[in-house]
Amino acid sequence: MKKWKLLALPLLALSLTACGEDLANAMDIGDYRSDVFSENMYSVWPEDLEHVESTTDYDVGSSLVTDFSSLDYEDYGAYADDIYGSSFAEANKLSATDSAVAYGFTSKLYDGILHCFDAVRSTKSRLQLPTEGFGYMFPHEMWSQDYVGLFMKSGADTDAGGAHIIDASFHLSFYVLNDNTQKFKAYQFNFTVEDIVSSDYPQFYGFYFEDIIGTSPILQGTKAVSLTYDIVAPAPTAEGTQAIFLYELLLPNSSWR
């Protein structure tokens, strides 16, 4: 009996860490997992992104795709029954292309896992973002790109009576280093999402880069990405009661070096 109990302990630990992360060995299990909603806000910015010399804005507008099944790819039949996008995210996760993103806290953005039942409100499969968002330095340069996809939903500290974000304006930026000045040029893609889903699985939002910037090579050599947002409705009711939950950042068909 004692031997069975000893064997059960590692099995239990495995079951707790398997959901949402192969990265249990690479991140602090306690980070951003407090029972206090406001303590789980992730807003980490690399110091390198403090040196931005210019920002070019693009309006995504009607090019925004709000359902991954609307993407223009030949093998969609493989995901015809993939209601929530879990198989799609798993097949197109960035860690499958670049294993260097499979470590650290933000690796959950590239593991393809969109849903995880967890006793703690801050689950193992997402980042909880305040409006100031976060920045991330890629371990390699993105040299070519096809489309970008985000799986997101709205969250709130419902125990404290927080209202969920209904509409928000998002600012997704990619950073290319100017070798002459050693400062970054930011290319910011702006889009508004209305009626953001607030329960169960997150919703897909994405766009093809070519639809916005044509065949311009301006993103060649992208070294970093960031996401911030502005709440459109409802207005914040109290500090820390609302957030956007970001589950996955996809860059399918992109090349890296």
Protein backbone atom coordinates (compact mmCIF):
# COMPACT_ATOMS: atom_id res chain seq x y z
CA MET A 1 0.00 0.00 0.00
CA LYS A 2 2.81 2.41 0.90
CA LYS A 3 4.54 1.68 -2.39
CA TRP A 4 1.31 2.42 -4.30
CA LYS A 5 1.02 5.78 -2.52
CA LEU A 6 4.57 6.69 -3.45
CA LEU A 7 3.88 5.87 -7.09
CA ALA A 8 0.65 7.85 -7.04
CA LEU A 9 2.38 11.07 -6.04
CA PRO A 10 4.37 11.56 -9.26
CA LEU A 11 1.34 10.49 -11.28
CA LEU A 12 -0.73 13.15 -9.57
CA ALA A 13 1.93 15.77 -10.21
CA LEU A 14 2.06 14.78 -13.86
CA SER A 15 -1.70 15.13 -14.23
CA LEU A 16 -1.63 18.60 -12.71
CA THR A 17 1.15 19.90 -14.93
CA ALA A 18 0.25 18.18 -18.19
CA CYS A 19 -2.68 20.48 -18.90
CA GLY A 20 -1.52 23.46 -20.87
CA GLU A 21 2.21 22.96 -20.59
CA ASP A 22 5.08 20.70 -21.39
CA LEU A 23 6.94 23.53 -19.72
CA ALA A 24 6.41 22.70 -16.06
CA ASN A 25 10.18 22.37 -15.76
CA ALA A 26 10.72 25.82 -17.21
CA MET A 27 8.36 28.10 -15.34
CA ASP A 28 7.48 28.91 -11.76
CA ILE A 29 4.22 27.12 -11.00
CA GLY A 30 3.21 30.02 -8.76
CA ASP A 31 3.68 32.88 -11.22
CA TYR A 32 0.46 34.75 -11.98
CA ARG A 33 -1.67 32.02 -10.38
CA SER A 34 -2.92 33.80 -7.31
CA ASP A 35 -6.51 33.49 -6.09
CA VAL A 36 -6.53 37.30 -6.25
CA PHE A 37 -7.51 38.24 -9.79
CA SER A 38 -5.58 41.50 -9.87
CA GLU A 39 -2.31 39.72 -8.99
CA ASN A 40 -2.43 37.65 -12.17
CA MET A 41 -2.09 40.52 -14.63
CA TYR A 42 0.83 39.82 -16.96
CA SER A 43 2.50 42.97 -18.30
CA VAL A 44 6.15 42.21 -18.97
CA TRP A 45 8.12 44.29 -21.47
CA PRO A 46 11.71 43.56 -22.56
CA GLU A 47 14.03 46.51 -21.98
CA ASP A 48 15.03 46.38 -25.66
CA LEU A 49 11.53 47.49 -26.64
CA GLU A 50 12.03 50.76 -24.79
CA HIS A 51 14.13 51.91 -27.73
CA VAL A 52 11.53 52.49 -30.45
CA GLU A 53 12.36 55.23 -32.94
CA SER A 54 9.16 55.15 -35.00
CA THR A 55 5.72 53.55 -35.15
CA THR A 56 3.77 52.95 -38.36
CA ASP A 57 0.06 52.26 -37.90
CA TYR A 58 -2.15 50.03 -40.06
CA ASP A 59 -5.91 49.66 -39.86
CA VAL A 60 -6.87 46.01 -40.19
CA GLY A 61 -10.55 46.91 -40.62
CA SER A 62 -12.63 44.49 -42.68
CA SER A 63 -9.60 42.24 -43.20
CA LEU A 64 -10.03 40.88 -39.68
CA VAL A 65 -10.98 37.19 -39.69
CA THR A 66 -13.05 36.15 -36.68
CA ASP A 67 -13.29 32.43 -37.42
CA PHE A 68 -10.29 30.28 -38.30
CA SER A 69 -12.52 28.25 -40.64
CA SER A 70 -12.65 31.37 -42.86
CA LEU A 71 -8.91 31.21 -43.51
CA ASP A 72 -7.85 30.45 -47.04
CA TYR A 73 -5.98 27.18 -46.78
CA GLU A 74 -6.36 23.95 -48.70
CA ASP A 75 -6.45 21.44 -45.87
CA TYR A 76 -9.33 22.90 -43.88
CA GLY A 77 -11.12 19.57 -44.23
CA ALA A 78 -8.88 18.26 -41.47
CA TYR A 79 -10.51 20.75 -39.08
CA ALA A 80 -14.09 20.57 -40.29
CA ASP A 81 -15.23 19.16 -36.94
CA ASP A 82 -12.84 21.29 -34.90
CA ILE A 83 -15.49 23.54 -33.33
CA TYR A 84 -13.24 25.42 -30.92
CA GLY A 85 -9.99 25.36 -32.87
CA SER A 86 -8.04 23.06 -30.56
CA SER A 87 -6.75 20.79 -33.34
CA PHE A 88 -6.04 23.79 -35.54
CA ALA A 89 -4.01 25.51 -32.80
CA GLU A 90 -2.12 22.31 -32.00
CA ALA A 91 -1.20 21.79 -35.66
CA ASN A 92 -0.10 25.40 -36.18
CA LYS A 93 1.53 26.25 -32.86
CA LEU A 94 4.78 28.13 -33.13
CA SER A 95 6.66 25.72 -30.87
CA ALA A 96 6.25 23.04 -33.54
CA THR A 97 8.24 25.26 -35.91
CA ASP A 98 10.67 26.80 -33.45
CA SER A 99 11.37 24.77 -30.31
CA ALA A 100 13.16 27.78 -28.80
CA VAL A 101 9.79 29.32 -27.84
CA ALA A 102 8.81 26.26 -25.78
CA TYR A 103 10.42 27.54 -22.58
CA GLY A 104 9.58 30.20 -20.03
CA PHE A 105 6.28 31.70 -18.92
CA THR A 106 5.23 33.01 -22.34
CA SER A 107 5.76 29.58 -23.90
CA LYS A 108 2.09 28.95 -23.14
CA LEU A 109 1.35 31.28 -26.08
CA TYR A 110 3.00 28.82 -28.44
CA ASP A 111 1.93 25.42 -27.07
CA GLY A 112 -1.34 25.11 -29.00
CA ILE A 113 -3.50 24.60 -25.90
CA LEU A 114 -6.68 26.66 -25.80
CA HIS A 115 -8.54 25.28 -22.82
CA CYS A 116 -7.59 23.90 -19.45
CA PHE A 117 -9.69 23.07 -16.42
CA ASP A 118 -7.83 24.28 -13.36
CA ALA A 119 -8.72 24.83 -9.74
CA VAL A 120 -7.01 28.22 -9.75
CA ARG A 121 -8.70 31.00 -11.68
CA SER A 122 -5.56 31.84 -13.62
CA THR A 123 -5.21 28.72 -15.77
CA LYS A 124 -2.09 27.13 -17.13
CA SER A 125 -3.00 27.85 -20.74
CA ARG A 126 -3.27 31.64 -21.01
CA LEU A 127 -1.87 35.05 -20.16
CA GLN A 128 -4.12 37.50 -18.30
CA LEU A 129 -3.46 40.91 -19.82
CA PRO A 130 -4.19 44.41 -18.51
CA THR A 131 -4.65 47.19 -21.06
CA GLU A 132 -0.91 47.94 -21.15
CA GLY A 133 -0.38 44.43 -22.49
CA PHE A 134 2.99 42.75 -22.90
CA GLY A 135 6.02 42.52 -25.17
CA TYR A 136 8.04 39.47 -26.21
CA MET A 137 11.42 39.09 -27.89
CA PHE A 138 11.49 36.19 -30.35
CA PRO A 139 14.53 33.90 -29.98
CA HIS A 140 14.88 34.01 -33.78
CA GLU A 141 14.00 36.55 -36.48
CA MET A 142 10.80 36.19 -38.45
CA TRP A 143 11.97 36.46 -42.03
CA SER A 144 8.73 35.90 -43.94
CA GLN A 145 5.11 35.81 -42.84
CA ASP A 146 1.70 34.71 -44.05
CA TYR A 147 -0.95 35.44 -41.44
CA VAL A 148 -1.24 35.97 -37.71
CA GLY A 149 -3.87 34.53 -35.40
CA LEU A 150 -4.82 35.24 -31.80
CA PHE A 151 -7.12 33.17 -29.60
CA MET A 152 -8.61 35.49 -26.96
CA LYS A 153 -11.56 36.01 -24.68
CA SER A 154 -12.70 38.47 -22.01
CA GLY A 155 -12.27 37.83 -18.30
CA ALA A 156 -13.25 39.49 -15.03
CA ASP A 157 -13.04 39.00 -11.30
CA THR A 158 -16.67 37.96 -11.00
CA ASP A 159 -16.31 37.32 -7.26
CA ALA A 160 -15.74 41.06 -6.90
CA GLY A 161 -18.58 41.94 -9.25
CA GLY A 162 -16.38 42.89 -12.18
CA ALA A 163 -17.98 43.49 -15.59
CA HIS A 164 -16.52 41.72 -18.60
CA ILE A 165 -15.04 43.72 -21.44
CA ILE A 166 -17.52 43.74 -24.31
CA ASP A 167 -15.69 45.75 -26.99
CA ALA A 168 -11.97 46.52 -27.22
CA SER A 169 -9.49 48.04 -29.65
CA PHE A 170 -6.32 45.96 -30.03
CA HIS A 171 -2.86 47.04 -31.09
CA LEU A 172 -0.64 44.18 -32.31
CA SER A 173 2.89 45.38 -33.05
CA PHE A 174 5.91 43.79 -34.71
CA TYR A 175 9.39 45.22 -34.22
CA VAL A 176 12.25 45.36 -36.72
CA LEU A 177 15.69 46.60 -35.66
CA ASN A 178 17.25 49.49 -37.57
CA ASP A 179 20.85 48.35 -37.84
CA ASN A 180 22.06 51.94 -38.31
CA THR A 181 20.50 53.36 -35.14
CA GLN A 182 20.15 50.14 -33.13
CA LYS A 183 16.58 51.17 -32.36
CA PHE A 184 13.35 49.45 -33.28
CA LYS A 185 10.82 50.39 -35.90
CA ALA A 186 7.36 49.32 -34.78
CA TYR A 187 4.63 48.28 -37.22
CA GLN A 188 1.32 48.40 -35.39
CA PHE A 189 -1.81 46.64 -36.65
CA ASN A 190 -5.00 48.02 -35.10
CA PHE A 191 -8.35 46.27 -34.99
CA THR A 192 -11.53 46.48 -32.93
CA VAL A 193 -13.39 43.45 -31.62
CA GLU A 194 -17.04 43.70 -30.62
CA ASP A 195 -18.92 41.26 -28.38
CA ILE A 196 -15.80 39.49 -27.15
CA VAL A 197 -16.61 35.99 -25.94
CA SER A 198 -16.37 35.72 -22.13
CA SER A 199 -17.01 32.06 -21.40
CA ASP A 200 -15.64 28.64 -22.31
CA TYR A 201 -13.26 28.53 -25.27
CA PRO A 202 -11.59 31.67 -26.66
CA GLN A 203 -12.36 33.10 -30.10
CA PHE A 204 -9.97 33.28 -33.05
CA TYR A 205 -9.03 36.67 -34.51
CA GLY A 206 -6.52 37.07 -37.31
CA PHE A 207 -5.56 38.52 -40.65
CA TYR A 208 -3.27 38.01 -43.61
CA PHE A 209 -0.33 40.41 -43.63
CA GLU A 210 -0.57 40.76 -47.41
CA ASP A 211 -4.11 42.11 -47.08
CA ILE A 212 -2.76 44.98 -45.00
CA ILE A 213 0.75 45.74 -46.26
CA GLY A 214 0.73 44.05 -49.66
CA THR A 215 3.98 42.31 -50.57
CA SER A 216 6.14 44.85 -48.75
CA PRO A 217 9.13 43.26 -46.96
CA ILE A 218 8.94 45.71 -44.04
CA LEU A 219 8.44 42.92 -41.49
CA GLN A 220 11.46 40.99 -42.69
CA GLY A 221 13.72 40.48 -39.69
CA THR A 222 11.02 40.93 -37.04
CA LYS A 223 12.59 40.49 -33.62
CA ALA A 224 9.69 41.09 -31.25
CA VAL A 225 5.93 41.35 -30.85
CA SER A 226 3.61 43.15 -28.44
CA LEU A 227 -0.11 43.38 -27.75
CA THR A 228 -1.94 46.20 -26.00
CA TYR A 229 -5.60 47.20 -26.01
CA ASP A 230 -8.09 49.91 -25.09
CA ILE A 231 -11.42 49.10 -23.48
CA VAL A 232 -14.30 50.47 -25.53
CA ALA A 233 -17.19 49.05 -23.49
CA PRO A 234 -17.88 48.77 -20.67
CA ALA A 235 -15.80 51.43 -18.93
CA PRO A 236 -13.58 49.99 -16.18
CA THR A 237 -15.53 49.58 -12.95
CA ALA A 238 -12.55 49.04 -10.66
CA GLU A 239 -8.83 48.51 -11.04
CA GLY A 240 -7.89 44.94 -11.82
CA THR A 241 -11.40 43.59 -12.33
CA GLN A 242 -11.24 43.18 -16.11
CA ALA A 243 -8.73 41.57 -18.43
CA ILE A 244 -8.22 40.04 -21.82
CA PHE A 245 -7.18 36.39 -21.73
CA LEU A 246 -4.72 35.56 -24.51
CA TYR A 247 -4.43 31.82 -25.12
CA GLU A 248 -2.42 31.52 -28.31
CA LEU A 249 -0.39 33.57 -30.76
CA LEU A 250 -0.07 31.82 -34.12
CA LEU A 251 2.22 32.72 -37.02
CA PRO A 252 1.61 29.83 -39.43
CA ASN A 253 3.64 29.52 -42.60
CA SER A 254 6.18 32.04 -41.35
CA SER A 255 9.90 31.39 -41.78
CA TRP A 256 12.53 32.00 -39.11
CA ARG A 257 16.28 32.31 -39.00
